[in-house]
Amino acid sequence: MSPTKYEELVILMAPYLQRIHSRPDILSVGEILAATLRYLAASESMTDRMFNFRIGKSTVSKIILECCNCLWDVLFTPTEKIERVF
């Protein structure tokens, strides 16, 4: 995925994955998306994601599930949204 396409995907996903920035350790939308895409693309375990992103295993599992659901909603319904990203 090119950096431009990744940024477009981050912009599309931002409204669904935005966190309240009340704490300095909150993950950004880009970090959540990167962790999810690397998990899906590389078939690595959540433990690997935990160590690579320095976050807890329960947090990793929660954000990956949430991000996958958002990716599905944003990219695969309706069809015209797919054309904007790919």
PDB file of N, CA and C in Angstrom:
ATOM      1  N   MET A   1       0.855  -1.169   0.000  1.00  0.00           N
ATOM      2  CA  MET A   1       0.000   0.000   0.000  1.00  0.00           C
ATOM      3  C   MET A   1       0.901   1.232   0.000  1.00  0.00           C
ATOM      4  N   SER A   2       0.602   2.148  -0.860  1.00  0.00           N
ATOM      5  CA  SER A   2       1.402   3.371  -0.933  1.00  0.00           C
ATOM      6  C   SER A   2       1.085   4.285   0.248  1.00  0.00           C
ATOM      7  N   PRO A   3       2.019   5.158   0.596  1.00  0.00           N
ATOM      8  CA  PRO A   3       1.757   6.098   1.696  1.00  0.00           C
ATOM      9  C   PRO A   3       0.535   6.979   1.445  1.00  0.00           C
ATOM     10  N   THR A   4       0.309   7.351   0.197  1.00  0.00           N
ATOM     11  CA  THR A   4      -0.846   8.185  -0.126  1.00  0.00           C
ATOM     12  C   THR A   4      -2.147   7.437   0.133  1.00  0.00           C
ATOM     13  N   LYS A   5      -2.205   6.187  -0.293  1.00  0.00           N
ATOM     14  CA  LYS A   5      -3.414   5.381  -0.066  1.00  0.00           C
ATOM     15  C   LYS A   5      -3.621   5.124   1.424  1.00  0.00           C
ATOM     16  N   TYR A   6      -2.516   4.924   2.147  1.00  0.00           N
ATOM     17  CA  TYR A   6      -2.628   4.726   3.591  1.00  0.00           C
ATOM     18  C   TYR A   6      -3.210   5.970   4.260  1.00  0.00           C
ATOM     19  N   GLU A   7      -2.740   7.138   3.872  1.00  0.00           N
ATOM     20  CA  GLU A   7      -3.264   8.390   4.444  1.00  0.00           C
ATOM     21  C   GLU A   7      -4.743   8.579   4.110  1.00  0.00           C
ATOM     22  N   GLU A   8      -5.136   8.211   2.890  1.00  0.00           N
ATOM     23  CA  GLU A   8      -6.549   8.291   2.529  1.00  0.00           C
ATOM     24  C   GLU A   8      -7.381   7.362   3.414  1.00  0.00           C
ATOM     25  N   LEU A   9      -6.861   6.171   3.673  1.00  0.00           N
ATOM     26  CA  LEU A   9      -7.551   5.221   4.529  1.00  0.00           C
ATOM     27  C   LEU A   9      -7.649   5.731   5.971  1.00  0.00           C
ATOM     28  N   VAL A  10      -6.582   6.361   6.450  1.00  0.00           N
ATOM     29  CA  VAL A  10      -6.607   6.946   7.799  1.00  0.00           C
ATOM     30  C   VAL A  10      -7.680   8.028   7.876  1.00  0.00           C
ATOM     31  N   ILE A  11      -7.784   8.845   6.849  1.00  0.00           N
ATOM     32  CA  ILE A  11      -8.791   9.912   6.834  1.00  0.00           C
ATOM     33  C   ILE A  11     -10.204   9.321   6.829  1.00  0.00           C
ATOM     34  N   LEU A  12     -10.409   8.239   6.053  1.00  0.00           N
ATOM     35  CA  LEU A  12     -11.722   7.596   6.028  1.00  0.00           C
ATOM     36  C   LEU A  12     -12.072   6.948   7.365  1.00  0.00           C
ATOM     37  N   MET A  13     -11.073   6.395   8.033  1.00  0.00           N
ATOM     38  CA  MET A  13     -11.306   5.667   9.277  1.00  0.00           C
ATOM     39  C   MET A  13     -11.359   6.577  10.510  1.00  0.00           C
ATOM     40  N   ALA A  14     -10.814   7.768  10.417  1.00  0.00           N
ATOM     41  CA  ALA A  14     -10.686   8.657  11.575  1.00  0.00           C
ATOM     42  C   ALA A  14     -12.001   8.890  12.332  1.00  0.00           C
ATOM     43  N   PRO A  15     -13.113   9.160  11.658  1.00  0.00           N
ATOM     44  CA  PRO A  15     -14.347   9.396  12.425  1.00  0.00           C
ATOM     45  C   PRO A  15     -14.808   8.184  13.237  1.00  0.00           C
ATOM     46  N   TYR A  16     -14.430   7.005  12.812  1.00  0.00           N
ATOM     47  CA  TYR A  16     -14.883   5.782  13.480  1.00  0.00           C
ATOM     48  C   TYR A  16     -13.924   5.316  14.566  1.00  0.00           C
ATOM     49  N   LEU A  17     -12.651   5.684  14.462  1.00  0.00           N
ATOM     50  CA  LEU A  17     -11.638   5.202  15.395  1.00  0.00           C
ATOM     51  C   LEU A  17     -11.063   6.288  16.290  1.00  0.00           C
ATOM     52  N   GLN A  18     -11.555   7.498  16.177  1.00  0.00           N
ATOM     53  CA  GLN A  18     -11.016   8.616  16.952  1.00  0.00           C
ATOM     54  C   GLN A  18     -11.174   8.353  18.442  1.00  0.00           C
ATOM     55  N   ARG A  19     -10.125   8.615  19.182  1.00  0.00           N
ATOM     56  CA  ARG A  19     -10.128   8.433  20.628  1.00  0.00           C
ATOM     57  C   ARG A  19     -10.177   9.789  21.315  1.00  0.00           C
ATOM     58  N   ILE A  20     -10.632   9.802  22.548  1.00  0.00           N
ATOM     59  CA  ILE A  20     -10.600  11.027  23.343  1.00  0.00           C
ATOM     60  C   ILE A  20      -9.174  11.217  23.821  1.00  0.00           C
ATOM     61  N   HIS A  21      -8.600  12.361  23.534  1.00  0.00           N
ATOM     62  CA  HIS A  21      -7.200  12.606  23.856  1.00  0.00           C
ATOM     63  C   HIS A  21      -7.032  13.165  25.268  1.00  0.00           C
ATOM     64  N   SER A  22      -7.562  12.464  26.237  1.00  0.00           N
ATOM     65  CA  SER A  22      -7.432  12.916  27.623  1.00  0.00           C
ATOM     66  C   SER A  22      -6.178  12.359  28.281  1.00  0.00           C
ATOM     67  N   ARG A  23      -5.614  11.308  27.674  1.00  0.00           N
ATOM     68  CA  ARG A  23      -4.398  10.708  28.213  1.00  0.00           C
ATOM     69  C   ARG A  23      -3.319  10.725  27.147  1.00  0.00           C
ATOM     70  N   PRO A  24      -2.060  10.879  27.542  1.00  0.00           N
ATOM     71  CA  PRO A  24      -0.984  10.944  26.541  1.00  0.00           C
ATOM     72  C   PRO A  24      -0.649   9.602  25.904  1.00  0.00           C
ATOM     73  N   ASP A  25      -1.110   8.498  26.494  1.00  0.00           N
ATOM     74  CA  ASP A  25      -0.763   7.180  25.959  1.00  0.00           C
ATOM     75  C   ASP A  25      -1.813   6.606  25.007  1.00  0.00           C
ATOM     76  N   ILE A  26      -2.786   7.393  24.614  1.00  0.00           N
ATOM     77  CA  ILE A  26      -3.826   6.930  23.712  1.00  0.00           C
ATOM     78  C   ILE A  26      -3.243   6.768  22.306  1.00  0.00           C
ATOM     79  N   LEU A  27      -3.614   5.674  21.652  1.00  0.00           N
ATOM     80  CA  LEU A  27      -3.145   5.408  20.296  1.00  0.00           C
ATOM     81  C   LEU A  27      -3.858   6.295  19.289  1.00  0.00           C
ATOM     82  N   SER A  28      -3.130   6.725  18.286  1.00  0.00           N
ATOM     83  CA  SER A  28      -3.739   7.515  17.219  1.00  0.00           C
ATOM     84  C   SER A  28      -4.446   6.589  16.240  1.00  0.00           C
ATOM     85  N   VAL A  29      -5.237   7.164  15.367  1.00  0.00           N
ATOM     86  CA  VAL A  29      -5.938   6.386  14.352  1.00  0.00           C
ATOM     87  C   VAL A  29      -4.919   5.685  13.452  1.00  0.00           C
ATOM     88  N   GLY A  30      -3.846   6.368  13.105  1.00  0.00           N
ATOM     89  CA  GLY A  30      -2.806   5.764  12.267  1.00  0.00           C
ATOM     90  C   GLY A  30      -2.144   4.569  12.920  1.00  0.00           C
ATOM     91  N   GLU A  31      -1.908   4.645  14.224  1.00  0.00           N
ATOM     92  CA  GLU A  31      -1.297   3.522  14.943  1.00  0.00           C
ATOM     93  C   GLU A  31      -2.256   2.334  15.041  1.00  0.00           C
ATOM     94  N   ILE A  32      -3.517   2.611  15.278  1.00  0.00           N
ATOM     95  CA  ILE A  32      -4.515   1.546  15.343  1.00  0.00           C
ATOM     96  C   ILE A  32      -4.623   0.851  13.984  1.00  0.00           C
ATOM     97  N   LEU A  33      -4.698   1.649  12.932  1.00  0.00           N
ATOM     98  CA  LEU A  33      -4.806   1.099  11.588  1.00  0.00           C
ATOM     99  C   LEU A  33      -3.548   0.324  11.203  1.00  0.00           C
ATOM    100  N   ALA A  34      -2.377   0.849  11.549  1.00  0.00           N
ATOM    101  CA  ALA A  34      -1.126   0.166  11.236  1.00  0.00           C
ATOM    102  C   ALA A  34      -1.034  -1.177  11.954  1.00  0.00           C
ATOM    103  N   ALA A  35      -1.401  -1.209  13.219  1.00  0.00           N
ATOM    104  CA  ALA A  35      -1.368  -2.462  13.976  1.00  0.00           C
ATOM    105  C   ALA A  35      -2.320  -3.487  13.372  1.00  0.00           C
ATOM    106  N   THR A  36      -3.493  -3.041  12.976  1.00  0.00           N
ATOM    107  CA  THR A  36      -4.481  -3.952  12.391  1.00  0.00           C
ATOM    108  C   THR A  36      -4.029  -4.464  11.038  1.00  0.00           C
ATOM    109  N   LEU A  37      -3.560  -3.573  10.177  1.00  0.00           N
ATOM    110  CA  LEU A  37      -3.136  -3.998   8.844  1.00  0.00           C
ATOM    111  C   LEU A  37      -1.932  -4.928   8.908  1.00  0.00           C
ATOM    112  N   ARG A  38      -1.002  -4.653   9.798  1.00  0.00           N
ATOM    113  CA  ARG A  38       0.153  -5.540   9.953  1.00  0.00           C
ATOM    114  C   ARG A  38      -0.268  -6.889  10.512  1.00  0.00           C
ATOM    115  N   TYR A  39      -1.217  -6.910  11.411  1.00  0.00           N
ATOM    116  CA  TYR A  39      -1.732  -8.166  11.958  1.00  0.00           C
ATOM    117  C   TYR A  39      -2.395  -8.989  10.845  1.00  0.00           C
ATOM    118  N   LEU A  40      -3.211  -8.341  10.025  1.00  0.00           N
ATOM    119  CA  LEU A  40      -3.913  -9.046   8.963  1.00  0.00           C
ATOM    120  C   LEU A  40      -2.980  -9.474   7.834  1.00  0.00           C
ATOM    121  N   ALA A  41      -2.031  -8.632   7.475  1.00  0.00           N
ATOM    122  CA  ALA A  41      -1.161  -8.914   6.334  1.00  0.00           C
ATOM    123  C   ALA A  41      -0.078  -9.934   6.661  1.00  0.00           C
ATOM    124  N   ALA A  42       0.487  -9.855   7.837  1.00  0.00           N
ATOM    125  CA  ALA A  42       1.637 -10.692   8.170  1.00  0.00           C
ATOM    126  C   ALA A  42       1.255 -11.956   8.932  1.00  0.00           C
ATOM    127  N   SER A  43       0.013 -12.111   9.280  1.00  0.00           N
ATOM    128  CA  SER A  43      -0.455 -13.269  10.053  1.00  0.00           C
ATOM    129  C   SER A  43       0.345 -13.468  11.334  1.00  0.00           C
ATOM    130  N   GLU A  44       0.729 -12.360  11.952  1.00  0.00           N
ATOM    131  CA  GLU A  44       1.439 -12.433  13.218  1.00  0.00           C
ATOM    132  C   GLU A  44       0.440 -12.556  14.358  1.00  0.00           C
ATOM    133  N   SER A  45       0.909 -13.015  15.471  1.00  0.00           N
ATOM    134  CA  SER A  45       0.031 -13.165  16.630  1.00  0.00           C
ATOM    135  C   SER A  45      -0.221 -11.808  17.281  1.00  0.00           C
ATOM    136  N   MET A  46      -1.227 -11.769  18.126  1.00  0.00           N
ATOM    137  CA  MET A  46      -1.498 -10.536  18.863  1.00  0.00           C
ATOM    138  C   MET A  46      -0.389 -10.248  19.861  1.00  0.00           C
ATOM    139  N   THR A  47       0.290 -11.292  20.306  1.00  0.00           N
ATOM    140  CA  THR A  47       1.435 -11.091  21.196  1.00  0.00           C
ATOM    141  C   THR A  47       2.549 -10.333  20.474  1.00  0.00           C
ATOM    142  N   ASP A  48       2.776 -10.662  19.199  1.00  0.00           N
ATOM    143  CA  ASP A  48       3.760  -9.915  18.406  1.00  0.00           C
ATOM    144  C   ASP A  48       3.365  -8.445  18.288  1.00  0.00           C
ATOM    145  N   ARG A  49       2.093  -8.192  18.015  1.00  0.00           N
ATOM    146  CA  ARG A  49       1.600  -6.811  17.926  1.00  0.00           C
ATOM    147  C   ARG A  49       1.767  -6.107  19.271  1.00  0.00           C
ATOM    148  N   MET A  50       1.537  -6.841  20.342  1.00  0.00           N
ATOM    149  CA  MET A  50       1.652  -6.265  21.681  1.00  0.00           C
ATOM    150  C   MET A  50       3.074  -5.760  21.908  1.00  0.00           C
ATOM    151  N   PHE A  51       4.059  -6.571  21.575  1.00  0.00           N
ATOM    152  CA  PHE A  51       5.450  -6.170  21.788  1.00  0.00           C
ATOM    153  C   PHE A  51       5.900  -5.096  20.794  1.00  0.00           C
ATOM    154  N   ASN A  52       5.460  -5.185  19.550  1.00  0.00           N
ATOM    155  CA  ASN A  52       5.871  -4.197  18.546  1.00  0.00           C
ATOM    156  C   ASN A  52       5.297  -2.807  18.815  1.00  0.00           C
ATOM    157  N   PHE A  53       4.076  -2.759  19.297  1.00  0.00           N
ATOM    158  CA  PHE A  53       3.438  -1.466  19.549  1.00  0.00           C
ATOM    159  C   PHE A  53       3.457  -1.073  21.019  1.00  0.00           C
ATOM    160  N   ARG A  54       3.997  -1.931  21.874  1.00  0.00           N
ATOM    161  CA  ARG A  54       4.143  -1.665  23.303  1.00  0.00           C
ATOM    162  C   ARG A  54       2.813  -1.336  23.980  1.00  0.00           C
ATOM    163  N   ILE A  55       1.832  -2.193  23.712  1.00  0.00           N
ATOM    164  CA  ILE A  55       0.527  -2.051  24.346  1.00  0.00           C
ATOM    165  C   ILE A  55       0.084  -3.422  24.859  1.00  0.00           C
ATOM    166  N   GLY A  56      -0.859  -3.447  25.761  1.00  0.00           N
ATOM    167  CA  GLY A  56      -1.313  -4.688  26.364  1.00  0.00           C
ATOM    168  C   GLY A  56      -2.046  -5.599  25.392  1.00  0.00           C
ATOM    169  N   LYS A  57      -2.017  -6.898  25.678  1.00  0.00           N
ATOM    170  CA  LYS A  57      -2.638  -7.872  24.785  1.00  0.00           C
ATOM    171  C   LYS A  57      -4.143  -7.663  24.682  1.00  0.00           C
ATOM    172  N   SER A  58      -4.802  -7.355  25.782  1.00  0.00           N
ATOM    173  CA  SER A  58      -6.250  -7.122  25.717  1.00  0.00           C
ATOM    174  C   SER A  58      -6.568  -5.865  24.900  1.00  0.00           C
ATOM    175  N   THR A  59      -5.701  -4.864  24.988  1.00  0.00           N
ATOM    176  CA  THR A  59      -5.887  -3.651  24.185  1.00  0.00           C
ATOM    177  C   THR A  59      -5.709  -3.960  22.713  1.00  0.00           C
ATOM    178  N   VAL A  60      -4.694  -4.750  22.390  1.00  0.00           N
ATOM    179  CA  VAL A  60      -4.449  -5.132  20.995  1.00  0.00           C
ATOM    180  C   VAL A  60      -5.654  -5.873  20.434  1.00  0.00           C
ATOM    181  N   SER A  61      -6.153  -6.851  21.170  1.00  0.00           N
ATOM    182  CA  SER A  61      -7.289  -7.620  20.663  1.00  0.00           C
ATOM    183  C   SER A  61      -8.522  -6.742  20.489  1.00  0.00           C
ATOM    184  N   LYS A  62      -8.719  -5.808  21.396  1.00  0.00           N
ATOM    185  CA  LYS A  62      -9.870  -4.908  21.302  1.00  0.00           C
ATOM    186  C   LYS A  62      -9.758  -3.982  20.090  1.00  0.00           C
ATOM    187  N   ILE A  63      -8.596  -3.364  19.897  1.00  0.00           N
ATOM    188  CA  ILE A  63      -8.463  -2.404  18.790  1.00  0.00           C
ATOM    189  C   ILE A  63      -8.473  -3.100  17.442  1.00  0.00           C
ATOM    190  N   ILE A  64      -7.924  -4.313  17.364  1.00  0.00           N
ATOM    191  CA  ILE A  64      -7.937  -5.030  16.082  1.00  0.00           C
ATOM    192  C   ILE A  64      -9.363  -5.419  15.708  1.00  0.00           C
ATOM    193  N   LEU A  65     -10.121  -5.929  16.662  1.00  0.00           N
ATOM    194  CA  LEU A  65     -11.519  -6.269  16.392  1.00  0.00           C
ATOM    195  C   LEU A  65     -12.321  -5.037  15.992  1.00  0.00           C
ATOM    196  N   GLU A  66     -12.159  -3.961  16.741  1.00  0.00           N
ATOM    197  CA  GLU A  66     -12.880  -2.715  16.447  1.00  0.00           C
ATOM    198  C   GLU A  66     -12.490  -2.163  15.081  1.00  0.00           C
ATOM    199  N   CYS A  67     -11.200  -2.190  14.777  1.00  0.00           N
ATOM    200  CA  CYS A  67     -10.732  -1.649  13.501  1.00  0.00           C
ATOM    201  C   CYS A  67     -11.205  -2.517  12.334  1.00  0.00           C
ATOM    202  N   CYS A  68     -11.198  -3.833  12.491  1.00  0.00           N
ATOM    203  CA  CYS A  68     -11.696  -4.714  11.431  1.00  0.00           C
ATOM    204  C   CYS A  68     -13.173  -4.454  11.150  1.00  0.00           C
ATOM    205  N   ASN A  69     -13.955  -4.283  12.193  1.00  0.00           N
ATOM    206  CA  ASN A  69     -15.376  -3.960  12.009  1.00  0.00           C
ATOM    207  C   ASN A  69     -15.553  -2.632  11.291  1.00  0.00           C
ATOM    208  N   CYS A  70     -14.758  -1.640  11.661  1.00  0.00           N
ATOM    209  CA  CYS A  70     -14.839  -0.332  11.001  1.00  0.00           C
ATOM    210  C   CYS A  70     -14.381  -0.409   9.554  1.00  0.00           C
ATOM    211  N   LEU A  71     -13.306  -1.158   9.299  1.00  0.00           N
ATOM    212  CA  LEU A  71     -12.835  -1.338   7.917  1.00  0.00           C
ATOM    213  C   LEU A  71     -13.935  -1.948   7.056  1.00  0.00           C
ATOM    214  N   TRP A  72     -14.597  -2.949   7.589  1.00  0.00           N
ATOM    215  CA  TRP A  72     -15.679  -3.586   6.843  1.00  0.00           C
ATOM    216  C   TRP A  72     -16.794  -2.585   6.548  1.00  0.00           C
ATOM    217  N   ASP A  73     -17.203  -1.847   7.560  1.00  0.00           N
ATOM    218  CA  ASP A  73     -18.288  -0.874   7.380  1.00  0.00           C
ATOM    219  C   ASP A  73     -17.920   0.226   6.403  1.00  0.00           C
ATOM    220  N   VAL A  74     -16.688   0.709   6.477  1.00  0.00           N
ATOM    221  CA  VAL A  74     -16.262   1.831   5.635  1.00  0.00           C
ATOM    222  C   VAL A  74     -15.973   1.388   4.208  1.00  0.00           C
ATOM    223  N   LEU A  75     -15.304   0.260   4.037  1.00  0.00           N
ATOM    224  CA  LEU A  75     -14.843  -0.128   2.708  1.00  0.00           C
ATOM    225  C   LEU A  75     -15.812  -0.996   1.920  1.00  0.00           C
ATOM    226  N   PHE A  76     -16.627  -1.784   2.575  1.00  0.00           N
ATOM    227  CA  PHE A  76     -17.425  -2.750   1.850  1.00  0.00           C
ATOM    228  C   PHE A  76     -18.912  -2.474   1.815  1.00  0.00           C
ATOM    229  N   THR A  77     -19.322  -1.340   2.329  1.00  0.00           N
ATOM    230  CA  THR A  77     -20.720  -0.928   2.198  1.00  0.00           C
ATOM    231  C   THR A  77     -20.777   0.581   2.177  1.00  0.00           C
ATOM    232  N   PRO A  78     -21.315   1.207   1.249  1.00  0.00           N
ATOM    233  CA  PRO A  78     -21.699   0.767  -0.088  1.00  0.00           C
ATOM    234  C   PRO A  78     -20.501   0.662  -1.034  1.00  0.00           C
ATOM    235  N   THR A  79     -20.731   0.201  -2.229  1.00  0.00           N
ATOM    236  CA  THR A  79     -19.672  -0.111  -3.184  1.00  0.00           C
ATOM    237  C   THR A  79     -18.884   1.119  -3.611  1.00  0.00           C
ATOM    238  N   GLU A  80     -19.492   2.274  -3.721  1.00  0.00           N
ATOM    239  CA  GLU A  80     -18.769   3.449  -4.206  1.00  0.00           C
ATOM    240  C   GLU A  80     -17.630   3.875  -3.284  1.00  0.00           C
ATOM    241  N   LYS A  81     -17.671   3.494  -2.017  1.00  0.00           N
ATOM    242  CA  LYS A  81     -16.579   3.841  -1.100  1.00  0.00           C
ATOM    243  C   LYS A  81     -15.309   3.096  -1.456  1.00  0.00           C
ATOM    244  N   ILE A  82     -15.427   1.901  -1.997  1.00  0.00           N
ATOM    245  CA  ILE A  82     -14.253   1.119  -2.378  1.00  0.00           C
ATOM    246  C   ILE A  82     -13.466   1.840  -3.461  1.00  0.00           C
ATOM    247  N   GLU A  83     -14.153   2.420  -4.412  1.00  0.00           N
ATOM    248  CA  GLU A  83     -13.499   3.084  -5.530  1.00  0.00           C
ATOM    249  C   GLU A  83     -12.674   4.288  -5.067  1.00  0.00           C
ATOM    250  N   ARG A  84     -13.063   4.946  -3.996  1.00  0.00           N
ATOM    251  CA  ARG A  84     -12.308   6.094  -3.504  1.00  0.00           C
ATOM    252  C   ARG A  84     -10.961   5.671  -2.924  1.00  0.00           C
ATOM    253  N   VAL A  85     -10.891   4.491  -2.327  1.00  0.00           N
ATOM    254  CA  VAL A  85      -9.668   4.070  -1.664  1.00  0.00           C
ATOM    255  C   VAL A  85      -8.764   3.297  -2.609  1.00  0.00           C
ATOM    256  N   PHE A  86      -9.334   2.391  -3.405  1.00  0.00           N
ATOM    257  CA  PHE A  86      -8.514   1.538  -4.262  1.00  0.00           C
ATOM    258  C   PHE A  86      -8.688   1.871  -5.664  1.00  0.00           C
TER     259      PHE A  86
END
